[in-house]
mmCIF file of all heavy atoms, coordinates in Angstrom:
data_MODEL
# 
_entry.id   MODEL 
# 
loop_
_atom_site.group_PDB 
_atom_site.id 
_atom_site.type_symbol 
_atom_site.label_atom_id 
_atom_site.label_alt_id 
_atom_site.label_comp_id 
_atom_site.label_asym_id 
_atom_site.label_entity_id 
_atom_site.label_seq_id 
_atom_site.pdbx_PDB_ins_code 
_atom_site.Cartn_x 
_atom_site.Cartn_y 
_atom_site.Cartn_z 
_atom_site.occupancy 
_atom_site.B_iso_or_equiv 
_atom_site.pdbx_formal_charge 
_atom_site.auth_seq_id 
_atom_site.auth_comp_id 
_atom_site.auth_asym_id 
_atom_site.auth_atom_id 
_atom_site.pdbx_PDB_model_num 
ATOM 1   N N   . ALA A 1 1  ? 0.780   -1.180  -0.028  1.00 0.00 ? 1  ALA A N   1 
ATOM 2   C CA  . ALA A 1 1  ? 0.032   -0.018  -0.033  1.00 0.00 ? 1  ALA A CA  1 
ATOM 3   C C   . ALA A 1 1  ? 0.862   1.208   -0.021  1.00 0.00 ? 1  ALA A C   1 
ATOM 4   O O   . ALA A 1 1  ? 1.936   1.252   0.646   1.00 0.00 ? 1  ALA A O   1 
ATOM 5   C CB  . ALA A 1 1  ? -0.911  0.079   1.181   1.00 0.00 ? 1  ALA A CB  1 
ATOM 6   N N   . ARG A 1 2  ? 0.461   2.273   -0.718  1.00 0.00 ? 2  ARG A N   1 
ATOM 7   C CA  . ARG A 1 2  ? 1.156   3.547   -0.920  1.00 0.00 ? 2  ARG A CA  1 
ATOM 8   C C   . ARG A 1 2  ? 2.308   3.517   -1.806  1.00 0.00 ? 2  ARG A C   1 
ATOM 9   O O   . ARG A 1 2  ? 2.938   4.491   -2.088  1.00 0.00 ? 2  ARG A O   1 
ATOM 10  C CB  . ARG A 1 2  ? 1.479   4.203   0.438   1.00 0.00 ? 2  ARG A CB  1 
ATOM 11  C CG  . ARG A 1 2  ? 0.258   4.381   1.389   1.00 0.00 ? 2  ARG A CG  1 
ATOM 12  C CD  . ARG A 1 2  ? 0.568   5.337   2.513   1.00 0.00 ? 2  ARG A CD  1 
ATOM 13  N NE  . ARG A 1 2  ? 0.796   6.649   1.950   1.00 0.00 ? 2  ARG A NE  1 
ATOM 14  C CZ  . ARG A 1 2  ? -0.195  7.463   1.564   1.00 0.00 ? 2  ARG A CZ  1 
ATOM 15  N NH1 . ARG A 1 2  ? -1.482  7.114   1.684   1.00 0.00 ? 2  ARG A NH1 1 
ATOM 16  N NH2 . ARG A 1 2  ? 0.179   8.787   1.108   1.00 0.00 ? 2  ARG A NH2 1 
ATOM 17  N N   . GLN A 1 3  ? 2.652   2.239   -2.282  1.00 0.00 ? 3  GLN A N   1 
ATOM 18  C CA  . GLN A 1 3  ? 3.757   2.145   -3.265  1.00 0.00 ? 3  GLN A CA  1 
ATOM 19  C C   . GLN A 1 3  ? 3.332   2.888   -4.623  1.00 0.00 ? 3  GLN A C   1 
ATOM 20  O O   . GLN A 1 3  ? 2.186   2.810   -4.980  1.00 0.00 ? 3  GLN A O   1 
ATOM 21  C CB  . GLN A 1 3  ? 4.141   0.734   -3.518  1.00 0.00 ? 3  GLN A CB  1 
ATOM 22  C CG  . GLN A 1 3  ? 5.209   0.463   -4.517  1.00 0.00 ? 3  GLN A CG  1 
ATOM 23  C CD  . GLN A 1 3  ? 5.610   -0.980  -4.592  1.00 0.00 ? 3  GLN A CD  1 
ATOM 24  O OE1 . GLN A 1 3  ? 5.367   -1.850  -3.765  1.00 0.00 ? 3  GLN A OE1 1 
ATOM 25  N NE2 . GLN A 1 3  ? 6.281   -1.358  -5.745  1.00 0.00 ? 3  GLN A NE2 1 
ATOM 26  N N   . LYS A 1 4  ? 4.257   3.507   -5.296  1.00 0.00 ? 4  LYS A N   1 
ATOM 27  C CA  . LYS A 1 4  ? 4.002   4.153   -6.616  1.00 0.00 ? 4  LYS A CA  1 
ATOM 28  C C   . LYS A 1 4  ? 4.483   3.220   -7.663  1.00 0.00 ? 4  LYS A C   1 
ATOM 29  O O   . LYS A 1 4  ? 5.612   2.674   -7.642  1.00 0.00 ? 4  LYS A O   1 
ATOM 30  C CB  . LYS A 1 4  ? 4.721   5.491   -6.666  1.00 0.00 ? 4  LYS A CB  1 
ATOM 31  C CG  . LYS A 1 4  ? 4.134   6.585   -5.713  1.00 0.00 ? 4  LYS A CG  1 
ATOM 32  C CD  . LYS A 1 4  ? 2.846   7.103   -6.260  1.00 0.00 ? 4  LYS A CD  1 
ATOM 33  C CE  . LYS A 1 4  ? 2.970   7.897   -7.543  1.00 0.00 ? 4  LYS A CE  1 
ATOM 34  N NZ  . LYS A 1 4  ? 3.723   9.149   -7.381  1.00 0.00 ? 4  LYS A NZ  1 
ATOM 35  N N   . LEU A 1 5  ? 3.642   3.169   -8.676  1.00 0.00 ? 5  LEU A N   1 
ATOM 36  C CA  . LEU A 1 5  ? 3.969   2.414   -9.944  1.00 0.00 ? 5  LEU A CA  1 
ATOM 37  C C   . LEU A 1 5  ? 3.661   3.505   -11.055 1.00 0.00 ? 5  LEU A C   1 
ATOM 38  O O   . LEU A 1 5  ? 2.506   3.640   -11.475 1.00 0.00 ? 5  LEU A O   1 
ATOM 39  C CB  . LEU A 1 5  ? 3.229   1.224   -10.224 1.00 0.00 ? 5  LEU A CB  1 
ATOM 40  C CG  . LEU A 1 5  ? 3.656   -0.017  -9.413  1.00 0.00 ? 5  LEU A CG  1 
ATOM 41  C CD1 . LEU A 1 5  ? 2.691   -1.224  -9.832  1.00 0.00 ? 5  LEU A CD1 1 
ATOM 42  C CD2 . LEU A 1 5  ? 5.063   -0.436  -9.726  1.00 0.00 ? 5  LEU A CD2 1 
ATOM 43  N N   . GLY A 1 6  ? 4.696   4.165   -11.489 1.00 0.00 ? 6  GLY A N   1 
ATOM 44  C CA  . GLY A 1 6  ? 4.410   5.259   -12.462 1.00 0.00 ? 6  GLY A CA  1 
ATOM 45  C C   . GLY A 1 6  ? 3.501   6.215   -11.827 1.00 0.00 ? 6  GLY A C   1 
ATOM 46  O O   . GLY A 1 6  ? 3.750   6.816   -10.792 1.00 0.00 ? 6  GLY A O   1 
ATOM 47  N N   . LYS A 1 7  ? 2.443   6.534   -12.536 1.00 0.00 ? 7  LYS A N   1 
ATOM 48  C CA  . LYS A 1 7  ? 1.475   7.576   -12.106 1.00 0.00 ? 7  LYS A CA  1 
ATOM 49  C C   . LYS A 1 7  ? 0.447   6.923   -11.090 1.00 0.00 ? 7  LYS A C   1 
ATOM 50  O O   . LYS A 1 7  ? -0.375  7.717   -10.519 1.00 0.00 ? 7  LYS A O   1 
ATOM 51  C CB  . LYS A 1 7  ? 0.687   8.138   -13.283 1.00 0.00 ? 7  LYS A CB  1 
ATOM 52  C CG  . LYS A 1 7  ? -0.175  7.152   -14.077 1.00 0.00 ? 7  LYS A CG  1 
ATOM 53  C CD  . LYS A 1 7  ? -0.984  7.905   -15.094 1.00 0.00 ? 7  LYS A CD  1 
ATOM 54  C CE  . LYS A 1 7  ? -1.974  6.945   -15.923 1.00 0.00 ? 7  LYS A CE  1 
ATOM 55  N NZ  . LYS A 1 7  ? -2.839  7.746   -16.723 1.00 0.00 ? 7  LYS A NZ  1 
ATOM 56  N N   . TYR A 1 8  ? 0.524   5.663   -10.820 1.00 0.00 ? 8  TYR A N   1 
ATOM 57  C CA  . TYR A 1 8  ? -0.377  4.947   -10.014 1.00 0.00 ? 8  TYR A CA  1 
ATOM 58  C C   . TYR A 1 8  ? 0.125   4.852   -8.566  1.00 0.00 ? 8  TYR A C   1 
ATOM 59  O O   . TYR A 1 8  ? 1.216   4.484   -8.318  1.00 0.00 ? 8  TYR A O   1 
ATOM 60  C CB  . TYR A 1 8  ? -0.789  3.604   -10.512 1.00 0.00 ? 8  TYR A CB  1 
ATOM 61  C CG  . TYR A 1 8  ? -1.386  3.612   -11.920 1.00 0.00 ? 8  TYR A CG  1 
ATOM 62  C CD1 . TYR A 1 8  ? -0.586  3.008   -12.990 1.00 0.00 ? 8  TYR A CD1 1 
ATOM 63  C CD2 . TYR A 1 8  ? -2.581  4.141   -12.146 1.00 0.00 ? 8  TYR A CD2 1 
ATOM 64  C CE1 . TYR A 1 8  ? -1.121  3.028   -14.226 1.00 0.00 ? 8  TYR A CE1 1 
ATOM 65  C CE2 . TYR A 1 8  ? -3.128  4.199   -13.442 1.00 0.00 ? 8  TYR A CE2 1 
ATOM 66  C CZ  . TYR A 1 8  ? -2.341  3.633   -14.507 1.00 0.00 ? 8  TYR A CZ  1 
ATOM 67  O OH  . TYR A 1 8  ? -2.837  3.680   -15.719 1.00 0.00 ? 8  TYR A OH  1 
ATOM 68  N N   . ARG A 1 9  ? -0.772  5.150   -7.532  1.00 0.00 ? 9  ARG A N   1 
ATOM 69  C CA  . ARG A 1 9  ? -0.420  4.922   -6.169  1.00 0.00 ? 9  ARG A CA  1 
ATOM 70  C C   . ARG A 1 9  ? -1.265  3.744   -5.669  1.00 0.00 ? 9  ARG A C   1 
ATOM 71  O O   . ARG A 1 9  ? -2.559  3.809   -5.643  1.00 0.00 ? 9  ARG A O   1 
ATOM 72  C CB  . ARG A 1 9  ? -0.702  6.188   -5.357  1.00 0.00 ? 9  ARG A CB  1 
ATOM 73  C CG  . ARG A 1 9  ? -0.258  6.007   -3.866  1.00 0.00 ? 9  ARG A CG  1 
ATOM 74  C CD  . ARG A 1 9  ? -0.420  7.320   -3.052  1.00 0.00 ? 9  ARG A CD  1 
ATOM 75  N NE  . ARG A 1 9  ? -1.747  7.772   -2.927  1.00 0.00 ? 9  ARG A NE  1 
ATOM 76  C CZ  . ARG A 1 9  ? -2.279  8.778   -3.412  1.00 0.00 ? 9  ARG A CZ  1 
ATOM 77  N NH1 . ARG A 1 9  ? -1.503  9.655   -4.158  1.00 0.00 ? 9  ARG A NH1 1 
ATOM 78  N NH2 . ARG A 1 9  ? -3.606  9.144   -3.240  1.00 0.00 ? 9  ARG A NH2 1 
ATOM 79  N N   . ILE A 1 10 ? -0.585  2.688   -5.223  1.00 0.00 ? 10 ILE A N   1 
ATOM 80  C CA  . ILE A 1 10 ? -1.372  1.477   -4.792  1.00 0.00 ? 10 ILE A CA  1 
ATOM 81  C C   . ILE A 1 10 ? -2.053  1.800   -3.480  1.00 0.00 ? 10 ILE A C   1 
ATOM 82  O O   . ILE A 1 10 ? -1.527  2.403   -2.529  1.00 0.00 ? 10 ILE A O   1 
ATOM 83  C CB  . ILE A 1 10 ? -0.410  0.296   -4.575  1.00 0.00 ? 10 ILE A CB  1 
ATOM 84  C CG1 . ILE A 1 10 ? 0.375   -0.016  -5.885  1.00 0.00 ? 10 ILE A CG1 1 
ATOM 85  C CG2 . ILE A 1 10 ? -1.157  -0.945  -4.138  1.00 0.00 ? 10 ILE A CG2 1 
ATOM 86  C CD1 . ILE A 1 10 ? -0.503  -0.475  -7.026  1.00 0.00 ? 10 ILE A CD1 1 
ATOM 87  N N   . GLU A 1 11 ? -3.278  1.412   -3.397  1.00 0.00 ? 11 GLU A N   1 
ATOM 88  C CA  . GLU A 1 11 ? -4.096  1.605   -2.143  1.00 0.00 ? 11 GLU A CA  1 
ATOM 89  C C   . GLU A 1 11 ? -4.321  0.369   -1.353  1.00 0.00 ? 11 GLU A C   1 
ATOM 90  O O   . GLU A 1 11 ? -4.134  0.203   -0.125  1.00 0.00 ? 11 GLU A O   1 
ATOM 91  C CB  . GLU A 1 11 ? -5.421  2.290   -2.441  1.00 0.00 ? 11 GLU A CB  1 
ATOM 92  C CG  . GLU A 1 11 ? -5.178  3.658   -2.946  1.00 0.00 ? 11 GLU A CG  1 
ATOM 93  C CD  . GLU A 1 11 ? -6.475  4.521   -3.028  1.00 0.00 ? 11 GLU A CD  1 
ATOM 94  O OE1 . GLU A 1 11 ? -7.579  3.836   -3.097  1.00 0.00 ? 11 GLU A OE1 1 
ATOM 95  O OE2 . GLU A 1 11 ? -6.417  5.635   -3.224  1.00 0.00 ? 11 GLU A OE2 1 
ATOM 96  N N   . LYS A 1 12 ? -4.801  -0.853  -2.116  1.00 0.00 ? 12 LYS A N   1 
ATOM 97  C CA  . LYS A 1 12 ? -4.980  -2.024  -1.418  1.00 0.00 ? 12 LYS A CA  1 
ATOM 98  C C   . LYS A 1 12 ? -5.155  -3.146  -2.413  1.00 0.00 ? 12 LYS A C   1 
ATOM 99  O O   . LYS A 1 12 ? -5.486  -2.926  -3.585  1.00 0.00 ? 12 LYS A O   1 
ATOM 100 C CB  . LYS A 1 12 ? -6.229  -2.000  -0.448  1.00 0.00 ? 12 LYS A CB  1 
ATOM 101 C CG  . LYS A 1 12 ? -7.540  -1.840  -1.091  1.00 0.00 ? 12 LYS A CG  1 
ATOM 102 C CD  . LYS A 1 12 ? -8.630  -1.936  -0.073  1.00 0.00 ? 12 LYS A CD  1 
ATOM 103 C CE  . LYS A 1 12 ? -9.980  -1.877  -0.747  1.00 0.00 ? 12 LYS A CE  1 
ATOM 104 N NZ  . LYS A 1 12 ? -11.106 -2.021  0.246   1.00 0.00 ? 12 LYS A NZ  1 
ATOM 105 N N   . ARG A 1 13 ? -4.956  -4.386  -1.946  1.00 0.00 ? 13 ARG A N   1 
ATOM 106 C CA  . ARG A 1 13 ? -5.187  -5.606  -2.838  1.00 0.00 ? 13 ARG A CA  1 
ATOM 107 C C   . ARG A 1 13 ? -6.628  -5.892  -2.803  1.00 0.00 ? 13 ARG A C   1 
ATOM 108 O O   . ARG A 1 13 ? -7.251  -5.918  -1.824  1.00 0.00 ? 13 ARG A O   1 
ATOM 109 C CB  . ARG A 1 13 ? -4.301  -6.716  -2.346  1.00 0.00 ? 13 ARG A CB  1 
ATOM 110 C CG  . ARG A 1 13 ? -4.449  -7.909  -3.227  1.00 0.00 ? 13 ARG A CG  1 
ATOM 111 C CD  . ARG A 1 13 ? -3.531  -9.051  -2.765  1.00 0.00 ? 13 ARG A CD  1 
ATOM 112 N NE  . ARG A 1 13 ? -3.906  -9.499  -1.438  1.00 0.00 ? 13 ARG A NE  1 
ATOM 113 C CZ  . ARG A 1 13 ? -3.177  -10.406 -0.684  1.00 0.00 ? 13 ARG A CZ  1 
ATOM 114 N NH1 . ARG A 1 13 ? -2.069  -10.890 -1.231  1.00 0.00 ? 13 ARG A NH1 1 
ATOM 115 N NH2 . ARG A 1 13 ? -3.620  -10.796 0.474   1.00 0.00 ? 13 ARG A NH2 1 
ATOM 116 N N   . LEU A 1 14 ? -7.178  -6.152  -4.009  1.00 0.00 ? 14 LEU A N   1 
ATOM 117 C CA  . LEU A 1 14 ? -8.599  -6.451  -4.160  1.00 0.00 ? 14 LEU A CA  1 
ATOM 118 C C   . LEU A 1 14 ? -8.803  -7.960  -4.263  1.00 0.00 ? 14 LEU A C   1 
ATOM 119 O O   . LEU A 1 14 ? -9.793  -8.506  -3.654  1.00 0.00 ? 14 LEU A O   1 
ATOM 120 C CB  . LEU A 1 14 ? -9.238  -5.721  -5.355  1.00 0.00 ? 14 LEU A CB  1 
ATOM 121 C CG  . LEU A 1 14 ? -9.207  -4.254  -5.275  1.00 0.00 ? 14 LEU A CG  1 
ATOM 122 C CD1 . LEU A 1 14 ? -9.800  -3.645  -6.615  1.00 0.00 ? 14 LEU A CD1 1 
ATOM 123 C CD2 . LEU A 1 14 ? -10.145 -3.772  -4.070  1.00 0.00 ? 14 LEU A CD2 1 
ATOM 124 N N   . SER A 1 15 ? -8.024  -8.654  -5.023  1.00 0.00 ? 15 SER A N   1 
ATOM 125 C CA  . SER A 1 15 ? -8.228  -10.071 -5.257  1.00 0.00 ? 15 SER A CA  1 
ATOM 126 C C   . SER A 1 15 ? -6.949  -10.635 -5.796  1.00 0.00 ? 15 SER A C   1 
ATOM 127 O O   . SER A 1 15 ? -6.006  -9.885  -6.260  1.00 0.00 ? 15 SER A O   1 
ATOM 128 C CB  . SER A 1 15 ? -9.395  -10.357 -6.255  1.00 0.00 ? 15 SER A CB  1 
ATOM 129 O OG  . SER A 1 15 ? -9.023  -9.824  -7.554  1.00 0.00 ? 15 SER A OG  1 
ATOM 130 N N   . GLU A 1 16 ? -6.831  -12.031 -5.747  1.00 0.00 ? 16 GLU A N   1 
ATOM 131 C CA  . GLU A 1 16 ? -5.691  -12.702 -6.305  1.00 0.00 ? 16 GLU A CA  1 
ATOM 132 C C   . GLU A 1 16 ? -6.125  -13.992 -6.960  1.00 0.00 ? 16 GLU A C   1 
ATOM 133 O O   . GLU A 1 16 ? -6.922  -14.734 -6.461  1.00 0.00 ? 16 GLU A O   1 
ATOM 134 C CB  . GLU A 1 16 ? -4.758  -13.024 -5.104  1.00 0.00 ? 16 GLU A CB  1 
ATOM 135 C CG  . GLU A 1 16 ? -3.390  -13.509 -5.478  1.00 0.00 ? 16 GLU A CG  1 
ATOM 136 C CD  . GLU A 1 16 ? -2.377  -13.519 -4.338  1.00 0.00 ? 16 GLU A CD  1 
ATOM 137 O OE1 . GLU A 1 16 ? -2.727  -12.926 -3.215  1.00 0.00 ? 16 GLU A OE1 1 
ATOM 138 O OE2 . GLU A 1 16 ? -1.283  -14.079 -4.484  1.00 0.00 ? 16 GLU A OE2 1 
ATOM 139 N N   . GLY A 1 17 ? -5.566  -14.177 -8.154  1.00 0.00 ? 17 GLY A N   1 
ATOM 140 C CA  . GLY A 1 17 ? -5.880  -15.384 -8.962  1.00 0.00 ? 17 GLY A CA  1 
ATOM 141 C C   . GLY A 1 17 ? -4.605  -16.229 -9.108  1.00 0.00 ? 17 GLY A C   1 
ATOM 142 O O   . GLY A 1 17 ? -3.530  -15.966 -8.486  1.00 0.00 ? 17 GLY A O   1 
ATOM 143 N N   . GLY A 1 18 ? -4.761  -17.184 -10.047 1.00 0.00 ? 18 GLY A N   1 
ATOM 144 C CA  . GLY A 1 18 ? -3.640  -18.040 -10.249 1.00 0.00 ? 18 GLY A CA  1 
ATOM 145 C C   . GLY A 1 18 ? -2.469  -17.428 -10.907 1.00 0.00 ? 18 GLY A C   1 
ATOM 146 O O   . GLY A 1 18 ? -1.255  -17.807 -10.585 1.00 0.00 ? 18 GLY A O   1 
ATOM 147 N N   . PHE A 1 19 ? -2.638  -16.358 -11.709 1.00 0.00 ? 19 PHE A N   1 
ATOM 148 C CA  . PHE A 1 19 ? -1.500  -15.789 -12.438 1.00 0.00 ? 19 PHE A CA  1 
ATOM 149 C C   . PHE A 1 19 ? -1.264  -14.302 -12.043 1.00 0.00 ? 19 PHE A C   1 
ATOM 150 O O   . PHE A 1 19 ? -0.251  -13.779 -12.340 1.00 0.00 ? 19 PHE A O   1 
ATOM 151 C CB  . PHE A 1 19 ? -1.754  -15.880 -13.875 1.00 0.00 ? 19 PHE A CB  1 
ATOM 152 C CG  . PHE A 1 19 ? -1.782  -17.273 -14.425 1.00 0.00 ? 19 PHE A CG  1 
ATOM 153 C CD1 . PHE A 1 19 ? -3.069  -17.869 -14.790 1.00 0.00 ? 19 PHE A CD1 1 
ATOM 154 C CD2 . PHE A 1 19 ? -0.621  -18.038 -14.541 1.00 0.00 ? 19 PHE A CD2 1 
ATOM 155 C CE1 . PHE A 1 19 ? -3.126  -19.130 -15.227 1.00 0.00 ? 19 PHE A CE1 1 
ATOM 156 C CE2 . PHE A 1 19 ? -0.728  -19.280 -14.995 1.00 0.00 ? 19 PHE A CE2 1 
ATOM 157 C CZ  . PHE A 1 19 ? -1.986  -19.889 -15.279 1.00 0.00 ? 19 PHE A CZ  1 
ATOM 158 N N   . ALA A 1 20 ? -2.358  -13.680 -11.519 1.00 0.00 ? 20 ALA A N   1 
ATOM 159 C CA  . ALA A 1 20 ? -2.215  -12.181 -11.271 1.00 0.00 ? 20 ALA A CA  1 
ATOM 160 C C   . ALA A 1 20 ? -2.930  -11.748 -10.023 1.00 0.00 ? 20 ALA A C   1 
ATOM 161 O O   . ALA A 1 20 ? -3.739  -12.456 -9.471  1.00 0.00 ? 20 ALA A O   1 
ATOM 162 C CB  . ALA A 1 20 ? -2.862  -11.476 -12.500 1.00 0.00 ? 20 ALA A CB  1 
ATOM 163 N N   . THR A 1 21 ? -2.598  -10.559 -9.594  1.00 0.00 ? 21 THR A N   1 
ATOM 164 C CA  . THR A 1 21 ? -3.188  -9.915  -8.397  1.00 0.00 ? 21 THR A CA  1 
ATOM 165 C C   . THR A 1 21 ? -3.873  -8.620  -8.945  1.00 0.00 ? 21 THR A C   1 
ATOM 166 O O   . THR A 1 21 ? -3.247  -7.944  -9.707  1.00 0.00 ? 21 THR A O   1 
ATOM 167 C CB  . THR A 1 21 ? -2.210  -9.626  -7.291  1.00 0.00 ? 21 THR A CB  1 
ATOM 168 O OG1 . THR A 1 21 ? -1.529  -10.863 -6.928  1.00 0.00 ? 21 THR A OG1 1 
ATOM 169 C CG2 . THR A 1 21 ? -2.889  -9.091  -6.069  1.00 0.00 ? 21 THR A CG2 1 
ATOM 170 N N   . VAL A 1 22 ? -5.025  -8.322  -8.306  1.00 0.00 ? 22 VAL A N   1 
ATOM 171 C CA  . VAL A 1 22 ? -5.735  -7.107  -8.782  1.00 0.00 ? 22 VAL A CA  1 
ATOM 172 C C   . VAL A 1 22 ? -5.626  -6.169  -7.588  1.00 0.00 ? 22 VAL A C   1 
ATOM 173 O O   . VAL A 1 22 ? -5.907  -6.478  -6.411  1.00 0.00 ? 22 VAL A O   1 
ATOM 174 C CB  . VAL A 1 22 ? -7.161  -7.319  -9.130  1.00 0.00 ? 22 VAL A CB  1 
ATOM 175 C CG1 . VAL A 1 22 ? -7.890  -6.051  -9.479  1.00 0.00 ? 22 VAL A CG1 1 
ATOM 176 C CG2 . VAL A 1 22 ? -7.284  -8.280  -10.284 1.00 0.00 ? 22 VAL A CG2 1 
ATOM 177 N N   . TYR A 1 23 ? -5.197  -4.886  -7.863  1.00 0.00 ? 23 TYR A N   1 
ATOM 178 C CA  . TYR A 1 23 ? -5.123  -3.876  -6.755  1.00 0.00 ? 23 TYR A CA  1 
ATOM 179 C C   . TYR A 1 23 ? -6.042  -2.671  -7.130  1.00 0.00 ? 23 TYR A C   1 
ATOM 180 O O   . TYR A 1 23 ? -6.316  -2.331  -8.258  1.00 0.00 ? 23 TYR A O   1 
ATOM 181 C CB  . TYR A 1 23 ? -3.683  -3.297  -6.729  1.00 0.00 ? 23 TYR A CB  1 
ATOM 182 C CG  . TYR A 1 23 ? -2.650  -4.303  -6.393  1.00 0.00 ? 23 TYR A CG  1 
ATOM 183 C CD1 . TYR A 1 23 ? -2.048  -5.111  -7.404  1.00 0.00 ? 23 TYR A CD1 1 
ATOM 184 C CD2 . TYR A 1 23 ? -2.344  -4.544  -5.040  1.00 0.00 ? 23 TYR A CD2 1 
ATOM 185 C CE1 . TYR A 1 23 ? -1.062  -6.074  -7.019  1.00 0.00 ? 23 TYR A CE1 1 
ATOM 186 C CE2 . TYR A 1 23 ? -1.378  -5.562  -4.668  1.00 0.00 ? 23 TYR A CE2 1 
ATOM 187 C CZ  . TYR A 1 23 ? -0.693  -6.262  -5.681  1.00 0.00 ? 23 TYR A CZ  1 
ATOM 188 O OH  . TYR A 1 23 ? 0.193   -7.186  -5.377  1.00 0.00 ? 23 TYR A OH  1 
ATOM 189 N N   . ARG A 1 24 ? -6.554  -2.033  -6.068  1.00 0.00 ? 24 ARG A N   1 
ATOM 190 C CA  . ARG A 1 24 ? -7.095  -0.699  -6.077  1.00 0.00 ? 24 ARG A CA  1 
ATOM 191 C C   . ARG A 1 24 ? -5.998  0.345   -6.094  1.00 0.00 ? 24 ARG A C   1 
ATOM 192 O O   . ARG A 1 24 ? -5.084  0.268   -5.235  1.00 0.00 ? 24 ARG A O   1 
ATOM 193 C CB  . ARG A 1 24 ? -8.067  -0.484  -4.957  1.00 0.00 ? 24 ARG A CB  1 
ATOM 194 C CG  . ARG A 1 24 ? -8.657  0.935   -4.880  1.00 0.00 ? 24 ARG A CG  1 
ATOM 195 C CD  . ARG A 1 24 ? -9.440  1.089   -3.593  1.00 0.00 ? 24 ARG A CD  1 
ATOM 196 N NE  . ARG A 1 24 ? -9.701  2.500   -3.416  1.00 0.00 ? 24 ARG A NE  1 
ATOM 197 C CZ  . ARG A 1 24 ? -10.957 2.977   -3.428  1.00 0.00 ? 24 ARG A CZ  1 
ATOM 198 N NH1 . ARG A 1 24 ? -11.935 2.271   -3.774  1.00 0.00 ? 24 ARG A NH1 1 
ATOM 199 N NH2 . ARG A 1 24 ? -11.193 4.294   -3.155  1.00 0.00 ? 24 ARG A NH2 1 
ATOM 200 N N   . ALA A 1 25 ? -6.027  1.211   -6.960  1.00 0.00 ? 25 ALA A N   1 
ATOM 201 C CA  . ALA A 1 25 ? -4.940  2.265   -7.066  1.00 0.00 ? 25 ALA A CA  1 
ATOM 202 C C   . ALA A 1 25 ? -5.587  3.619   -7.457  1.00 0.00 ? 25 ALA A C   1 
ATOM 203 O O   . ALA A 1 25 ? -6.723  3.690   -7.946  1.00 0.00 ? 25 ALA A O   1 
ATOM 204 C CB  . ALA A 1 25 ? -3.874  1.859   -8.138  1.00 0.00 ? 25 ALA A CB  1 
ATOM 205 N N   . PHE A 1 26 ? -4.768  4.734   -7.202  1.00 0.00 ? 26 PHE A N   1 
ATOM 206 C CA  . PHE A 1 26 ? -5.222  6.036   -7.554  1.00 0.00 ? 26 PHE A CA  1 
ATOM 207 C C   . PHE A 1 26 ? -4.329  6.574   -8.683  1.00 0.00 ? 26 PHE A C   1 
ATOM 208 O O   . PHE A 1 26 ? -3.108  6.498   -8.602  1.00 0.00 ? 26 PHE A O   1 
ATOM 209 C CB  . PHE A 1 26 ? -5.135  6.944   -6.396  1.00 0.00 ? 26 PHE A CB  1 
ATOM 210 C CG  . PHE A 1 26 ? -5.570  8.369   -6.661  1.00 0.00 ? 26 PHE A CG  1 
ATOM 211 C CD1 . PHE A 1 26 ? -6.981  8.545   -6.723  1.00 0.00 ? 26 PHE A CD1 1 
ATOM 212 C CD2 . PHE A 1 26 ? -4.737  9.450   -6.706  1.00 0.00 ? 26 PHE A CD2 1 
ATOM 213 C CE1 . PHE A 1 26 ? -7.443  9.788   -6.947  1.00 0.00 ? 26 PHE A CE1 1 
ATOM 214 C CE2 . PHE A 1 26 ? -5.139  10.704  -6.937  1.00 0.00 ? 26 PHE A CE2 1 
ATOM 215 C CZ  . PHE A 1 26 ? -6.533  10.917  -7.083  1.00 0.00 ? 26 PHE A CZ  1 
# 
């Protein structure tokens, strides 16, 4: 949480699947 990826600021993890994770970001 709060990590920056380019213009996106991670807020929280929403879900996790077999190959990927989905995050809420700003």
